[in-house]
Amino acid sequence: MAAEIARTGGSPEVRASHADRDRVVDVLRVAAGEGRLSLEELEERLETALSARRVGELAVLTADLPAVAGQASGEAEGVVRIRQQGPRPAGVTAGWCRGAWRSVRRGAR
């Protein structure tokens, strides 16, 4: 996130964009997946990130996390975003899914 402050001319008071918030959310989710954040801490930081208005507010959320290797912009590697395509049938809620789902186990712990 220090790169974001540098990009904005060194001012943490510059307003954060949707892309700035999305990058921080991705970094936080990867950190939680690596066991660096507890579920409670992840939820707290995600809530703060999504409501942040300034780049400086976002920088605080990732200051104690290591930089993601190979990602100069701070964008998390390997994050897949799934977006719904097309309209949903009438009366169907946001959690609606259709089709066969398959889960791949990454390895036993």
N, C-alpha and C. Protein backbone atom coordinates (compact mmCIF):
# COMPACT_ATOMS: atom_id res chain seq x y z
N MET A 1 0.81 -1.18 0.00
CA MET A 1 0.00 0.00 0.00
C MET A 1 0.86 1.25 0.00
N ALA A 2 2.11 1.12 0.43
CA ALA A 2 3.01 2.27 0.37
C ALA A 2 3.16 2.74 -1.06
N ALA A 3 3.08 1.80 -2.01
CA ALA A 3 3.15 2.16 -3.43
C ALA A 3 1.96 3.02 -3.83
N GLU A 4 0.82 2.79 -3.22
CA GLU A 4 -0.37 3.60 -3.51
C GLU A 4 -0.17 5.03 -3.03
N ILE A 5 0.42 5.19 -1.85
CA ILE A 5 0.67 6.53 -1.33
C ILE A 5 1.69 7.23 -2.21
N ALA A 6 2.72 6.49 -2.65
CA ALA A 6 3.72 7.08 -3.54
C ALA A 6 3.08 7.49 -4.87
N ARG A 7 2.16 6.67 -5.38
CA ARG A 7 1.48 6.97 -6.64
C ARG A 7 0.67 8.25 -6.54
N THR A 8 0.15 8.52 -5.38
CA THR A 8 -0.68 9.71 -5.21
C THR A 8 0.14 10.94 -4.83
N GLY A 9 1.45 10.85 -4.96
CA GLY A 9 2.29 12.00 -4.65
C GLY A 9 2.71 12.07 -3.20
N GLY A 10 2.59 10.97 -2.48
CA GLY A 10 3.04 10.92 -1.10
C GLY A 10 2.02 11.41 -0.09
N SER A 11 0.81 11.70 -0.52
CA SER A 11 -0.21 12.20 0.40
C SER A 11 -1.22 11.12 0.76
N PRO A 12 -1.29 10.77 2.04
CA PRO A 12 -2.29 9.79 2.47
C PRO A 12 -3.70 10.36 2.50
N GLU A 13 -3.84 11.66 2.24
CA GLU A 13 -5.15 12.31 2.27
C GLU A 13 -5.88 12.27 0.94
N VAL A 14 -5.25 11.71 -0.10
CA VAL A 14 -5.90 11.59 -1.40
C VAL A 14 -7.03 10.59 -1.28
N ARG A 15 -8.14 10.88 -1.92
CA ARG A 15 -9.30 10.00 -1.86
C ARG A 15 -9.01 8.66 -2.55
N ALA A 16 -9.47 7.58 -1.93
CA ALA A 16 -9.25 6.23 -2.44
C ALA A 16 -10.28 5.91 -3.52
N SER A 17 -9.84 5.18 -4.54
CA SER A 17 -10.74 4.74 -5.61
C SER A 17 -11.26 3.34 -5.30
N HIS A 18 -12.22 2.88 -6.11
CA HIS A 18 -12.71 1.51 -5.97
C HIS A 18 -11.57 0.53 -6.20
N ALA A 19 -10.71 0.82 -7.17
CA ALA A 19 -9.58 -0.06 -7.46
C ALA A 19 -8.61 -0.13 -6.28
N ASP A 20 -8.38 1.00 -5.60
CA ASP A 20 -7.52 1.01 -4.41
C ASP A 20 -8.10 0.09 -3.34
N ARG A 21 -9.41 0.22 -3.09
CA ARG A 21 -10.05 -0.62 -2.07
C ARG A 21 -10.02 -2.09 -2.48
N ASP A 22 -10.26 -2.39 -3.76
CA ASP A 22 -10.24 -3.78 -4.23
C ASP A 22 -8.87 -4.41 -4.06
N ARG A 23 -7.81 -3.65 -4.32
CA ARG A 23 -6.45 -4.19 -4.15
C ARG A 23 -6.19 -4.55 -2.70
N VAL A 24 -6.61 -3.70 -1.78
CA VAL A 24 -6.40 -3.97 -0.35
C VAL A 24 -7.22 -5.19 0.07
N VAL A 25 -8.46 -5.29 -0.39
CA VAL A 25 -9.30 -6.45 -0.06
C VAL A 25 -8.63 -7.73 -0.55
N ASP A 26 -8.07 -7.72 -1.75
CA ASP A 26 -7.39 -8.90 -2.27
C ASP A 26 -6.19 -9.28 -1.41
N VAL A 27 -5.39 -8.30 -1.01
CA VAL A 27 -4.22 -8.56 -0.16
C VAL A 27 -4.65 -9.13 1.19
N LEU A 28 -5.72 -8.60 1.76
CA LEU A 28 -6.21 -9.09 3.05
C LEU A 28 -6.72 -10.52 2.94
N ARG A 29 -7.42 -10.84 1.87
CA ARG A 29 -7.93 -12.20 1.70
C ARG A 29 -6.80 -13.20 1.52
N VAL A 30 -5.77 -12.83 0.78
CA VAL A 30 -4.61 -13.71 0.61
C VAL A 30 -3.91 -13.90 1.96
N ALA A 31 -3.75 -12.82 2.72
CA ALA A 31 -3.10 -12.91 4.03
C ALA A 31 -3.88 -13.82 4.96
N ALA A 32 -5.20 -13.75 4.93
CA ALA A 32 -6.02 -14.63 5.76
C ALA A 32 -5.88 -16.07 5.30
N GLY A 33 -5.82 -16.29 4.00
CA GLY A 33 -5.63 -17.63 3.46
C GLY A 33 -4.30 -18.25 3.86
N GLU A 34 -3.31 -17.40 4.05
CA GLU A 34 -1.98 -17.86 4.48
C GLU A 34 -1.90 -18.00 6.00
N GLY A 35 -2.97 -17.66 6.70
CA GLY A 35 -2.99 -17.79 8.16
C GLY A 35 -2.41 -16.58 8.89
N ARG A 36 -2.20 -15.48 8.20
CA ARG A 36 -1.63 -14.29 8.83
C ARG A 36 -2.68 -13.48 9.58
N LEU A 37 -3.95 -13.65 9.24
CA LEU A 37 -5.05 -12.95 9.89
C LEU A 37 -6.10 -13.96 10.34
N SER A 38 -6.68 -13.72 11.52
CA SER A 38 -7.80 -14.57 11.97
C SER A 38 -9.05 -14.14 11.21
N LEU A 39 -10.07 -14.95 11.27
CA LEU A 39 -11.33 -14.64 10.60
C LEU A 39 -11.92 -13.33 11.13
N GLU A 40 -11.85 -13.14 12.44
CA GLU A 40 -12.39 -11.92 13.04
C GLU A 40 -11.62 -10.69 12.57
N GLU A 41 -10.29 -10.82 12.53
CA GLU A 41 -9.46 -9.69 12.09
C GLU A 41 -9.68 -9.40 10.60
N LEU A 42 -9.85 -10.45 9.81
CA LEU A 42 -10.14 -10.26 8.38
C LEU A 42 -11.45 -9.51 8.20
N GLU A 43 -12.50 -9.93 8.90
CA GLU A 43 -13.80 -9.27 8.78
C GLU A 43 -13.72 -7.80 9.18
N GLU A 44 -13.00 -7.52 10.25
CA GLU A 44 -12.85 -6.14 10.72
C GLU A 44 -12.11 -5.29 9.69
N ARG A 45 -11.01 -5.84 9.16
CA ARG A 45 -10.22 -5.08 8.18
C ARG A 45 -10.98 -4.92 6.86
N LEU A 46 -11.73 -5.94 6.45
CA LEU A 46 -12.51 -5.82 5.22
C LEU A 46 -13.56 -4.73 5.34
N GLU A 47 -14.23 -4.69 6.47
CA GLU A 47 -15.25 -3.65 6.71
C GLU A 47 -14.62 -2.26 6.65
N THR A 48 -13.46 -2.12 7.27
CA THR A 48 -12.75 -0.84 7.26
C THR A 48 -12.29 -0.48 5.85
N ALA A 49 -11.77 -1.47 5.12
CA ALA A 49 -11.28 -1.22 3.75
C ALA A 49 -12.40 -0.78 2.83
N LEU A 50 -13.52 -1.43 2.93
CA LEU A 50 -14.63 -1.11 2.03
C LEU A 50 -15.29 0.22 2.34
N SER A 51 -15.07 0.73 3.55
CA SER A 51 -15.65 2.04 3.89
C SER A 51 -14.60 3.15 3.91
N ALA A 52 -13.34 2.83 3.59
CA ALA A 52 -12.26 3.82 3.60
C ALA A 52 -12.48 4.88 2.53
N ARG A 53 -12.17 6.11 2.89
CA ARG A 53 -12.30 7.22 1.94
C ARG A 53 -10.96 7.77 1.48
N ARG A 54 -9.92 7.52 2.25
CA ARG A 54 -8.59 8.05 1.94
C ARG A 54 -7.58 6.92 1.79
N VAL A 55 -6.58 7.15 0.96
CA VAL A 55 -5.53 6.15 0.72
C VAL A 55 -4.80 5.82 2.02
N GLY A 56 -4.61 6.80 2.86
CA GLY A 56 -3.94 6.58 4.14
C GLY A 56 -4.67 5.60 5.04
N GLU A 57 -6.01 5.61 4.98
CA GLU A 57 -6.80 4.66 5.77
C GLU A 57 -6.56 3.23 5.28
N LEU A 58 -6.35 3.06 3.99
CA LEU A 58 -6.09 1.74 3.43
C LEU A 58 -4.67 1.26 3.76
N ALA A 59 -3.72 2.18 3.76
CA ALA A 59 -2.32 1.82 4.03
C ALA A 59 -2.16 1.20 5.41
N VAL A 60 -2.91 1.69 6.38
CA VAL A 60 -2.83 1.19 7.75
C VAL A 60 -3.24 -0.28 7.81
N LEU A 61 -4.18 -0.69 6.98
CA LEU A 61 -4.73 -2.05 7.02
C LEU A 61 -3.75 -3.11 6.56
N THR A 62 -2.77 -2.74 5.75
CA THR A 62 -1.80 -3.71 5.24
C THR A 62 -0.38 -3.44 5.72
N ALA A 63 -0.20 -2.46 6.58
CA ALA A 63 1.14 -2.07 7.03
C ALA A 63 1.89 -3.20 7.74
N ASP A 64 1.18 -4.07 8.46
CA ASP A 64 1.84 -5.15 9.19
C ASP A 64 1.88 -6.47 8.41
N LEU A 65 1.54 -6.42 7.13
CA LEU A 65 1.57 -7.62 6.29
C LEU A 65 2.71 -7.53 5.29
N PRO A 66 3.34 -8.66 4.95
CA PRO A 66 4.41 -8.62 3.96
C PRO A 66 3.85 -8.31 2.57
N ALA A 67 4.67 -7.72 1.74
CA ALA A 67 4.26 -7.44 0.36
C ALA A 67 4.05 -8.76 -0.36
N VAL A 68 3.10 -8.79 -1.26
CA VAL A 68 2.84 -10.00 -2.04
C VAL A 68 3.94 -10.13 -3.07
N ALA A 69 4.63 -11.25 -3.07
CA ALA A 69 5.78 -11.47 -3.96
C ALA A 69 5.39 -11.32 -5.42
N GLY A 70 6.19 -10.57 -6.16
CA GLY A 70 5.98 -10.42 -7.59
C GLY A 70 4.88 -9.46 -7.98
N GLN A 71 4.32 -8.76 -7.01
CA GLN A 71 3.21 -7.84 -7.28
C GLN A 71 3.60 -6.45 -6.81
N ALA A 72 4.17 -5.65 -7.67
CA ALA A 72 4.61 -4.30 -7.31
C ALA A 72 3.44 -3.41 -6.93
N SER A 73 2.29 -3.62 -7.52
CA SER A 73 1.14 -2.76 -7.26
C SER A 73 0.40 -3.15 -6.00
N GLY A 74 0.76 -4.28 -5.38
CA GLY A 74 0.06 -4.73 -4.19
C GLY A 74 -1.14 -5.60 -4.51
N GLU A 75 -1.38 -5.87 -5.79
CA GLU A 75 -2.51 -6.71 -6.18
C GLU A 75 -2.20 -8.16 -5.83
N ALA A 76 -3.15 -8.83 -5.24
CA ALA A 76 -2.95 -10.20 -4.82
C ALA A 76 -2.87 -11.13 -6.03
N GLU A 77 -1.96 -12.09 -5.94
CA GLU A 77 -1.77 -13.06 -7.02
C GLU A 77 -2.70 -14.24 -6.81
N GLY A 78 -3.26 -14.74 -7.87
CA GLY A 78 -4.08 -15.94 -7.78
C GLY A 78 -5.49 -15.72 -7.27
N VAL A 79 -5.94 -14.50 -7.17
CA VAL A 79 -7.30 -14.22 -6.71
C VAL A 79 -8.22 -14.28 -7.92
N VAL A 80 -9.28 -15.06 -7.78
CA VAL A 80 -10.24 -15.20 -8.87
C VAL A 80 -11.53 -14.52 -8.46
N ARG A 81 -12.01 -13.62 -9.29
CA ARG A 81 -13.29 -12.96 -9.03
C ARG A 81 -14.34 -13.64 -9.91
N ILE A 82 -15.46 -13.98 -9.30
CA ILE A 82 -16.55 -14.61 -10.02
C ILE A 82 -17.71 -13.62 -10.08
N ARG A 83 -18.13 -13.33 -11.28
CA ARG A 83 -19.23 -12.40 -11.48
C ARG A 83 -20.35 -13.12 -12.22
N GLN A 84 -21.59 -12.83 -11.83
CA GLN A 84 -22.74 -13.43 -12.50
C GLN A 84 -22.93 -12.79 -13.86
N GLN A 85 -23.21 -13.60 -14.84
CA GLN A 85 -23.48 -13.12 -16.20
C GLN A 85 -24.96 -13.32 -16.50
N GLY A 86 -25.59 -12.30 -17.01
CA GLY A 86 -26.99 -12.40 -17.41
C GLY A 86 -27.95 -12.18 -16.26
N PRO A 87 -29.21 -12.00 -16.60
CA PRO A 87 -30.21 -11.73 -15.56
C PRO A 87 -30.60 -12.99 -14.80
N ARG A 88 -31.03 -12.80 -13.56
CA ARG A 88 -31.54 -13.89 -12.75
C ARG A 88 -33.04 -14.03 -12.98
N PRO A 89 -33.58 -15.21 -12.81
CA PRO A 89 -35.03 -15.37 -12.91
C PRO A 89 -35.73 -14.52 -11.85
N ALA A 90 -36.94 -14.08 -12.14
CA ALA A 90 -37.71 -13.24 -11.21
C ALA A 90 -37.88 -13.94 -9.87
N GLY A 91 -37.71 -13.18 -8.80
CA GLY A 91 -37.91 -13.70 -7.45
C GLY A 91 -36.74 -14.48 -6.88
N VAL A 92 -35.63 -14.55 -7.59
CA VAL A 92 -34.47 -15.32 -7.12
C VAL A 92 -33.54 -14.38 -6.37
N THR A 93 -33.06 -14.81 -5.22
CA THR A 93 -32.19 -13.98 -4.40
C THR A 93 -30.75 -14.03 -4.90
N ALA A 94 -29.90 -13.18 -4.32
CA ALA A 94 -28.50 -13.06 -4.75
C ALA A 94 -27.71 -14.34 -4.54
N GLY A 95 -28.11 -15.20 -3.61
CA GLY A 95 -27.36 -16.42 -3.34
C GLY A 95 -27.72 -17.58 -4.24
N TRP A 96 -28.51 -17.36 -5.27
CA TRP A 96 -28.97 -18.42 -6.15
C TRP A 96 -27.86 -18.96 -7.01
N CYS A 97 -27.77 -20.27 -7.11
CA CYS A 97 -26.77 -20.93 -7.95
C CYS A 97 -27.42 -22.13 -8.61
N ARG A 98 -26.99 -22.43 -9.83
CA ARG A 98 -27.52 -23.59 -10.53
C ARG A 98 -26.35 -24.34 -11.15
N GLY A 99 -26.46 -25.65 -11.19
CA GLY A 99 -25.43 -26.44 -11.84
C GLY A 99 -24.65 -27.28 -10.86
N ALA A 100 -23.77 -28.09 -11.39
CA ALA A 100 -22.94 -28.97 -10.57
C ALA A 100 -21.73 -28.20 -10.05
N TRP A 101 -21.42 -28.38 -8.79
CA TRP A 101 -20.26 -27.72 -8.17
C TRP A 101 -19.27 -28.79 -7.77
N ARG A 102 -18.02 -28.50 -8.00
CA ARG A 102 -16.97 -29.43 -7.65
C ARG A 102 -15.92 -28.68 -6.84
N SER A 103 -15.47 -29.27 -5.77
CA SER A 103 -14.47 -28.66 -4.92
C SER A 103 -13.17 -29.44 -5.05
N VAL A 104 -12.08 -28.71 -5.14
CA VAL A 104 -10.78 -29.35 -5.25
C VAL A 104 -10.03 -29.15 -3.94
N ARG A 105 -9.59 -30.23 -3.36
CA ARG A 105 -8.86 -30.16 -2.09
C ARG A 105 -7.41 -29.83 -2.39
N ARG A 106 -6.88 -28.81 -1.73
CA ARG A 106 -5.51 -28.36 -1.97
C ARG A 106 -4.46 -29.24 -1.32
N GLY A 107 -4.81 -29.92 -0.30
CA GLY A 107 -3.85 -30.77 0.39
C GLY A 107 -4.25 -30.93 1.83
N ALA A 108 -3.92 -32.02 2.40
CA ALA A 108 -4.30 -32.31 3.80
C ALA A 108 -3.42 -31.52 4.74
N ARG A 109 -4.04 -31.03 5.77
CA ARG A 109 -3.29 -30.30 6.82
C ARG A 109 -3.29 -31.07 8.09
